[in-house]
C-alpha atoms as a PDB file:
ATOM      1  CA  MET A   1     122.914 217.829  26.619  1.00  0.00           C
ATOM      2  CA  MET A   2     123.529 216.881  30.196  1.00  0.00           C
ATOM      3  CA  LYS A   3     124.446 213.308  29.337  1.00  0.00           C
ATOM      4  CA  TYR A   4     126.838 214.779  26.370  1.00  0.00           C
ATOM      5  CA  VAL A   5     128.756 216.956  29.087  1.00  0.00           C
ATOM      6  CA  LEU A   6     128.941 214.329  31.665  1.00  0.00           C
ATOM      7  CA  PHE A   7     130.459 212.023  28.977  1.00  0.00           C
ATOM      8  CA  LEU A   8     132.871 214.586  27.993  1.00  0.00           C
ATOM      9  CA  ALA A   9     134.004 215.223  31.577  1.00  0.00           C
ATOM     10  CA  LEU A  10     134.499 211.409  32.259  1.00  0.00           C
ATOM     11  CA  LEU A  11     136.289 210.969  29.194  1.00  0.00           C
ATOM     12  CA  ALA A  12     138.725 213.854  30.206  1.00  0.00           C
ATOM     13  CA  LEU A  13     139.258 212.398  33.396  1.00  0.00           C
ATOM     14  CA  GLY A  14     139.909 209.290  32.001  1.00  0.00           C
ATOM     15  CA  GLY A  15     142.464 210.641  29.844  1.00  0.00           C
ATOM     16  CA  CYS A  16     144.352 211.993  32.771  1.00  0.00           C
ATOM     17  CA  ALA A  17     144.778 208.698  34.469  1.00  0.00           C
ATOM     18  CA  THR A  18     148.239 206.714  33.951  1.00  0.00           C
ATOM     19  CA  ILE A  19     149.207 203.273  34.282  1.00  0.00           C
ATOM     20  CA  ASP A  20     151.836 203.144  37.031  1.00  0.00           C
ATOM     21  CA  PRO A  21     154.277 200.288  37.453  1.00  0.00           C
ATOM     22  CA  PRO A  22     153.740 197.987  40.275  1.00  0.00           C
ATOM     23  CA  GLN A  23     154.933 199.029  43.812  1.00  0.00           C
ATOM     24  CA  VAL A  24     157.844 196.557  44.536  1.00  0.00           C
ATOM     25  CA  ASP A  25     158.561 196.285  48.357  1.00  0.00           C
ATOM     26  CA  PRO A  26     161.422 199.134  48.954  1.00  0.00           C
ATOM     27  CA  LYS A  27     163.309 196.568  50.983  1.00  0.00           C
ATOM     28  CA  ILE A  28     163.648 194.233  47.996  1.00  0.00           C
ATOM     29  CA  LEU A  29     164.277 197.004  45.661  1.00  0.00           C
ATOM     30  CA  GLY A  30     166.989 198.170  47.829  1.00  0.00           C
ATOM     31  CA  GLU A  31     168.600 194.685  47.796  1.00  0.00           C
ATOM     32  CA  PHE A  32     169.018 194.972  44.257  1.00  0.00           C
ATOM     33  CA  SER A  33     170.038 198.461  43.835  1.00  0.00           C
ATOM     34  CA  ASN A  34     172.447 198.506  46.707  1.00  0.00           C
ATOM     35  CA  ARG A  35     174.506 195.533  45.333  1.00  0.00           C
ATOM     36  CA  GLY A  36     175.350 197.299  41.999  1.00  0.00           C
ATOM     37  CA  VAL A  37     173.110 194.841  39.769  1.00  0.00           C
ATOM     38  CA  SER A  38     172.913 195.983  36.067  1.00  0.00           C
ATOM     39  CA  PRO A  39     170.482 198.758  35.093  1.00  0.00           C
ATOM     40  CA  THR A  40     168.774 196.232  32.976  1.00  0.00           C
ATOM     41  CA  THR A  41     168.082 194.060  35.844  1.00  0.00           C
ATOM     42  CA  LEU A  42     167.317 196.967  38.170  1.00  0.00           C
ATOM     43  CA  LEU A  43     164.761 198.506  35.712  1.00  0.00           C
ATOM     44  CA  LYS A  44     163.143 195.091  35.461  1.00  0.00           C
ATOM     45  CA  VAL A  45     162.804 194.757  39.319  1.00  0.00           C
ATOM     46  CA  ARG A  46     161.588 198.231  39.691  1.00  0.00           C
ATOM     47  CA  ASN A  47     158.869 197.890  37.171  1.00  0.00           C
ATOM     48  CA  GLY A  48     157.829 194.285  38.498  1.00  0.00           C
ATOM     49  CA  LEU A  49     158.879 192.107  35.513  1.00  0.00           C
ATOM     50  CA  PRO A  50     160.117 188.694  35.675  1.00  0.00           C
ATOM     51  CA  LEU A  51     163.800 187.906  35.708  1.00  0.00           C
ATOM     52  CA  THR A  52     165.812 185.612  33.181  1.00  0.00           C
ATOM     53  CA  VAL A  53     167.911 182.898  34.230  1.00  0.00           C
ATOM     54  CA  GLY A  54     170.850 185.001  33.485  1.00  0.00           C
ATOM     55  CA  GLN A  55     169.803 187.949  35.743  1.00  0.00           C
ATOM     56  CA  VAL A  56     169.145 185.618  38.752  1.00  0.00           C
ATOM     57  CA  ALA A  57     172.610 184.528  38.088  1.00  0.00           C
ATOM     58  CA  GLU A  58     173.877 188.201  37.912  1.00  0.00           C
ATOM     59  CA  ALA A  59     171.914 189.061  41.094  1.00  0.00           C
ATOM     60  CA  SER A  60     173.377 186.088  42.944  1.00  0.00           C
ATOM     61  CA  ARG A  61     176.920 186.940  41.956  1.00  0.00           C
ATOM     62  CA  GLN A  62     176.193 190.591  43.123  1.00  0.00           C
ATOM     63  CA  GLY A  63     175.312 189.438  46.564  1.00  0.00           C
ATOM     64  CA  VAL A  64     171.437 189.928  46.474  1.00  0.00           C
ATOM     65  CA  PRO A  65     170.282 187.484  49.399  1.00  0.00           C
ATOM     66  CA  GLY A  66     168.419 184.247  48.552  1.00  0.00           C
ATOM     67  CA  PRO A  67     165.155 185.292  50.358  1.00  0.00           C
ATOM     68  CA  GLY A  68     165.063 188.615  48.283  1.00  0.00           C
ATOM     69  CA  LEU A  69     165.497 186.822  45.000  1.00  0.00           C
ATOM     70  CA  VAL A  70     162.780 184.192  46.050  1.00  0.00           C
ATOM     71  CA  SER A  71     160.191 186.814  47.090  1.00  0.00           C
ATOM     72  CA  TYR A  72     160.516 188.751  43.815  1.00  0.00           C
ATOM     73  CA  MET A  73     160.482 185.722  41.685  1.00  0.00           C
ATOM     74  CA  GLN A  74     157.230 184.734  43.344  1.00  0.00           C
ATOM     75  CA  SER A  75     155.522 187.986  42.783  1.00  0.00           C
ATOM     76  CA  THR A  76     156.295 187.858  39.015  1.00  0.00           C
ATOM     77  CA  ARG A  77     154.817 184.019  38.813  1.00  0.00           C
ATOM     78  CA  LYS A  78     157.185 183.136  36.070  1.00  0.00           C
ATOM     79  CA  ALA A  79     157.768 179.532  35.671  1.00  0.00           C
ATOM     80  CA  TYR A  80     161.285 178.479  34.903  1.00  0.00           C
ATOM     81  CA  ASN A  81     161.961 175.392  33.188  1.00  0.00           C
ATOM     82  CA  LEU A  82     165.603 175.138  33.976  1.00  0.00           C
ATOM     83  CA  SER A  83     167.871 172.986  31.732  1.00  0.00           C
ATOM     84  CA  ASN A  84     171.021 171.470  33.009  1.00  0.00           C
ATOM     85  CA  ALA A  85     173.003 174.268  31.649  1.00  0.00           C
ATOM     86  CA  ASP A  86     170.893 176.802  33.586  1.00  0.00           C
ATOM     87  CA  VAL A  87     171.261 174.878  36.856  1.00  0.00           C
ATOM     88  CA  ALA A  88     175.310 174.975  36.012  1.00  0.00           C
ATOM     89  CA  GLN A  89     175.234 178.618  35.174  1.00  0.00           C
ATOM     90  CA  LEU A  90     173.260 179.417  38.652  1.00  0.00           C
ATOM     91  CA  ARG A  91     175.556 177.324  40.720  1.00  0.00           C
ATOM     92  CA  ALA A  92     178.604 178.929  39.032  1.00  0.00           C
ATOM     93  CA  ALA A  93     177.377 182.340  40.105  1.00  0.00           C
ATOM     94  CA  GLY A  94     176.973 181.124  43.488  1.00  0.00           C
ATOM     95  CA  THR A  95     173.170 181.226  43.591  1.00  0.00           C
ATOM     96  CA  PRO A  96     172.012 179.560  46.999  1.00  0.00           C
ATOM     97  CA  ALA A  97     170.566 175.845  46.768  1.00  0.00           C
ATOM     98  CA  PRO A  98     167.278 176.991  47.839  1.00  0.00           C
ATOM     99  CA  VAL A  99     166.868 179.680  45.347  1.00  0.00           C
ATOM    100  CA  ILE A 100     167.614 176.940  42.518  1.00  0.00           C
ATOM    101  CA  GLU A 101     164.969 174.530  44.000  1.00  0.00           C
ATOM    102  CA  TYR A 102     162.515 177.170  44.129  1.00  0.00           C
ATOM    103  CA  MET A 103     163.108 177.878  40.230  1.00  0.00           C
ATOM    104  CA  ARG A 104     162.778 174.261  39.821  1.00  0.00           C
ATOM    105  CA  ARG A 105     159.266 173.800  41.366  1.00  0.00           C
ATOM    106  CA  SER A 106     158.052 177.119  39.877  1.00  0.00           C
ATOM    107  CA  TYR A 107     157.045 175.524  36.783  1.00  0.00           C
ATOM    108  CA  GLY A 108     154.734 173.326  38.595  1.00  0.00           C
ATOM    109  CA  TYR A 109     153.405 176.244  40.703  1.00  0.00           C
ATOM    110  CA  PHE A 110     152.659 178.656  37.929  1.00  0.00           C
ATOM    111  CA  THR A 111     151.595 176.262  34.925  1.00  0.00           C
ATOM    112  CA  LYS A 112     149.088 174.352  36.865  1.00  0.00           C
ATOM    113  CA  GLY A 113     146.485 175.200  39.978  1.00  0.00           C
ATOM    114  CA  PRO A 114     145.138 178.142  41.315  1.00  0.00           C
ATOM    115  CA  LYS A 115     148.117 180.606  40.765  1.00  0.00           C
ATOM    116  CA  ALA A 116     148.617 179.270  37.144  1.00  0.00           C
ATOM    117  CA  THR A 117     149.330 182.096  34.518  1.00  0.00           C
ATOM    118  CA  ASN A 118     149.569 181.963  30.508  1.00  0.00           C
ATOM    119  CA  GLN A 119     153.386 181.676  30.288  1.00  0.00           C
ATOM    120  CA  LYS A 120     152.980 182.550  26.655  1.00  0.00           C
ATOM    121  CA  HIS A 121     151.775 186.159  27.663  1.00  0.00           C
ATOM    122  CA  PRO A 122     154.250 188.707  26.423  1.00  0.00           C
ATOM    123  CA  TYR A 123     154.892 189.959  30.057  1.00  0.00           C
ATOM    124  CA  PHE A 124     157.126 186.751  30.526  1.00  0.00           C
ATOM    125  CA  SER A 125     159.301 186.937  27.446  1.00  0.00           C
ATOM    126  CA  ASP A 126     159.183 190.513  25.753  1.00  0.00           C
ATOM    127  CA  GLU A 127     161.959 192.847  26.978  1.00  0.00           C
ATOM    128  CA  ARG A 128     159.883 195.973  26.775  1.00  0.00           C
ATOM    129  CA  TYR A 129     159.267 197.672  29.868  1.00  0.00           C
ATOM    130  CA  ASN A 130     155.585 198.839  29.474  1.00  0.00           C
ATOM    131  CA  LEU A 131     153.912 195.522  29.700  1.00  0.00           C
ATOM    132  CA  LYS A 132     151.363 194.836  32.265  1.00  0.00           C
ATOM    133  CA  ALA A 133     151.255 191.369  34.249  1.00  0.00           C
ATOM    134  CA  PRO A 134     148.382 189.129  33.116  1.00  0.00           C
ATOM    135  CA  PHE A 135     147.267 188.789  36.684  1.00  0.00           C
ATOM    136  CA  ALA A 136     146.772 190.801  39.747  1.00  0.00           C
ATOM    137  CA  TYR A 137     150.312 191.851  40.742  1.00  0.00           C
ATOM    138  CA  GLU A 138     151.182 190.655  44.420  1.00  0.00           C
ATOM    139  CA  PRO A 139     154.235 192.856  45.942  1.00  0.00           C
ATOM    140  CA  PRO A 140     157.068 190.573  47.136  1.00  0.00           C
ATOM    141  CA  ILE A 141     156.599 189.351  50.846  1.00  0.00           C
ATOM    142  CA  ALA A 142     158.767 187.722  53.336  1.00  0.00           C
ATOM    143  CA  ASP A 143     159.050 184.007  52.012  1.00  0.00           C
ATOM    144  CA  THR A 144     158.570 180.981  54.013  1.00  0.00           C
ATOM    145  CA  PHE A 145     160.108 178.740  51.336  1.00  0.00           C
ATOM    146  CA  PHE A 146     163.779 179.858  51.763  1.00  0.00           C
ATOM    147  CA  ASP A 147     165.512 178.189  54.660  1.00  0.00           C
ATOM    148  CA  SER A 148     169.056 179.158  55.014  1.00  0.00           C
ATOM    149  CA  ALA A 149     169.888 176.831  57.664  1.00  0.00           C
ATOM    150  CA  TYR A 150     169.246 174.145  55.160  1.00  0.00           C
ATOM    151  CA  GLU A 151     171.890 175.317  52.854  1.00  0.00           C
ATOM    152  CA  ASP A 152     174.451 175.526  55.884  1.00  0.00           C
ATOM    153  CA  ASN A 153     173.354 172.065  56.822  1.00  0.00           C
ATOM    154  CA  LEU A 154     174.599 170.435  53.515  1.00  0.00           C
ATOM    155  CA  TYR A 155     178.023 171.717  53.847  1.00  0.00           C
ATOM    156  CA  SER A 156     178.370 171.190  57.594  1.00  0.00           C
ATOM    157  CA  PRO A 157     180.725 168.574  59.163  1.00  0.00           C
ATOM    158  CA  PHE A 158     178.302 168.281  62.079  1.00  0.00           C
ATOM    159  CA  SER A 159     175.241 167.349  60.143  1.00  0.00           C
ATOM    160  CA  SER A 160     173.575 164.155  60.909  1.00  0.00           C
ATOM    161  CA  GLU A 161     172.675 163.183  57.354  1.00  0.00           C
END
């Protein structure tokens, strides 16, 4: 009898638990919300879901800084397999060169090695907003990959290269 009561108590407590969306870094979330990105893109960021190439282009067009974009994309572990048309779309939107370079390299980062994830999981392709990541979510952190000086040097008349 005691085991039965304990089981019911645990079942009742378990029923109260809800799955909360991942806690996205408020600074990065602020970068997206303060720039006026579309509600669909903002909802994806709020829920920690991967962005499409079009949404990255939109965020760039709205002025979301490159380091915030890269940090957020790293946390979702999406492998972007960019076509020439995708790269042209990103460039036309004013996406910083290091962001495009990160997206190109992400395919190798997240399909092989220790951070590899099953890119066929619905988390990466389904537009529903209640999906859970197939890995332990990592909140966006300050990224060391992005180097804004690199992009500035590309266009500087004083660069030595």
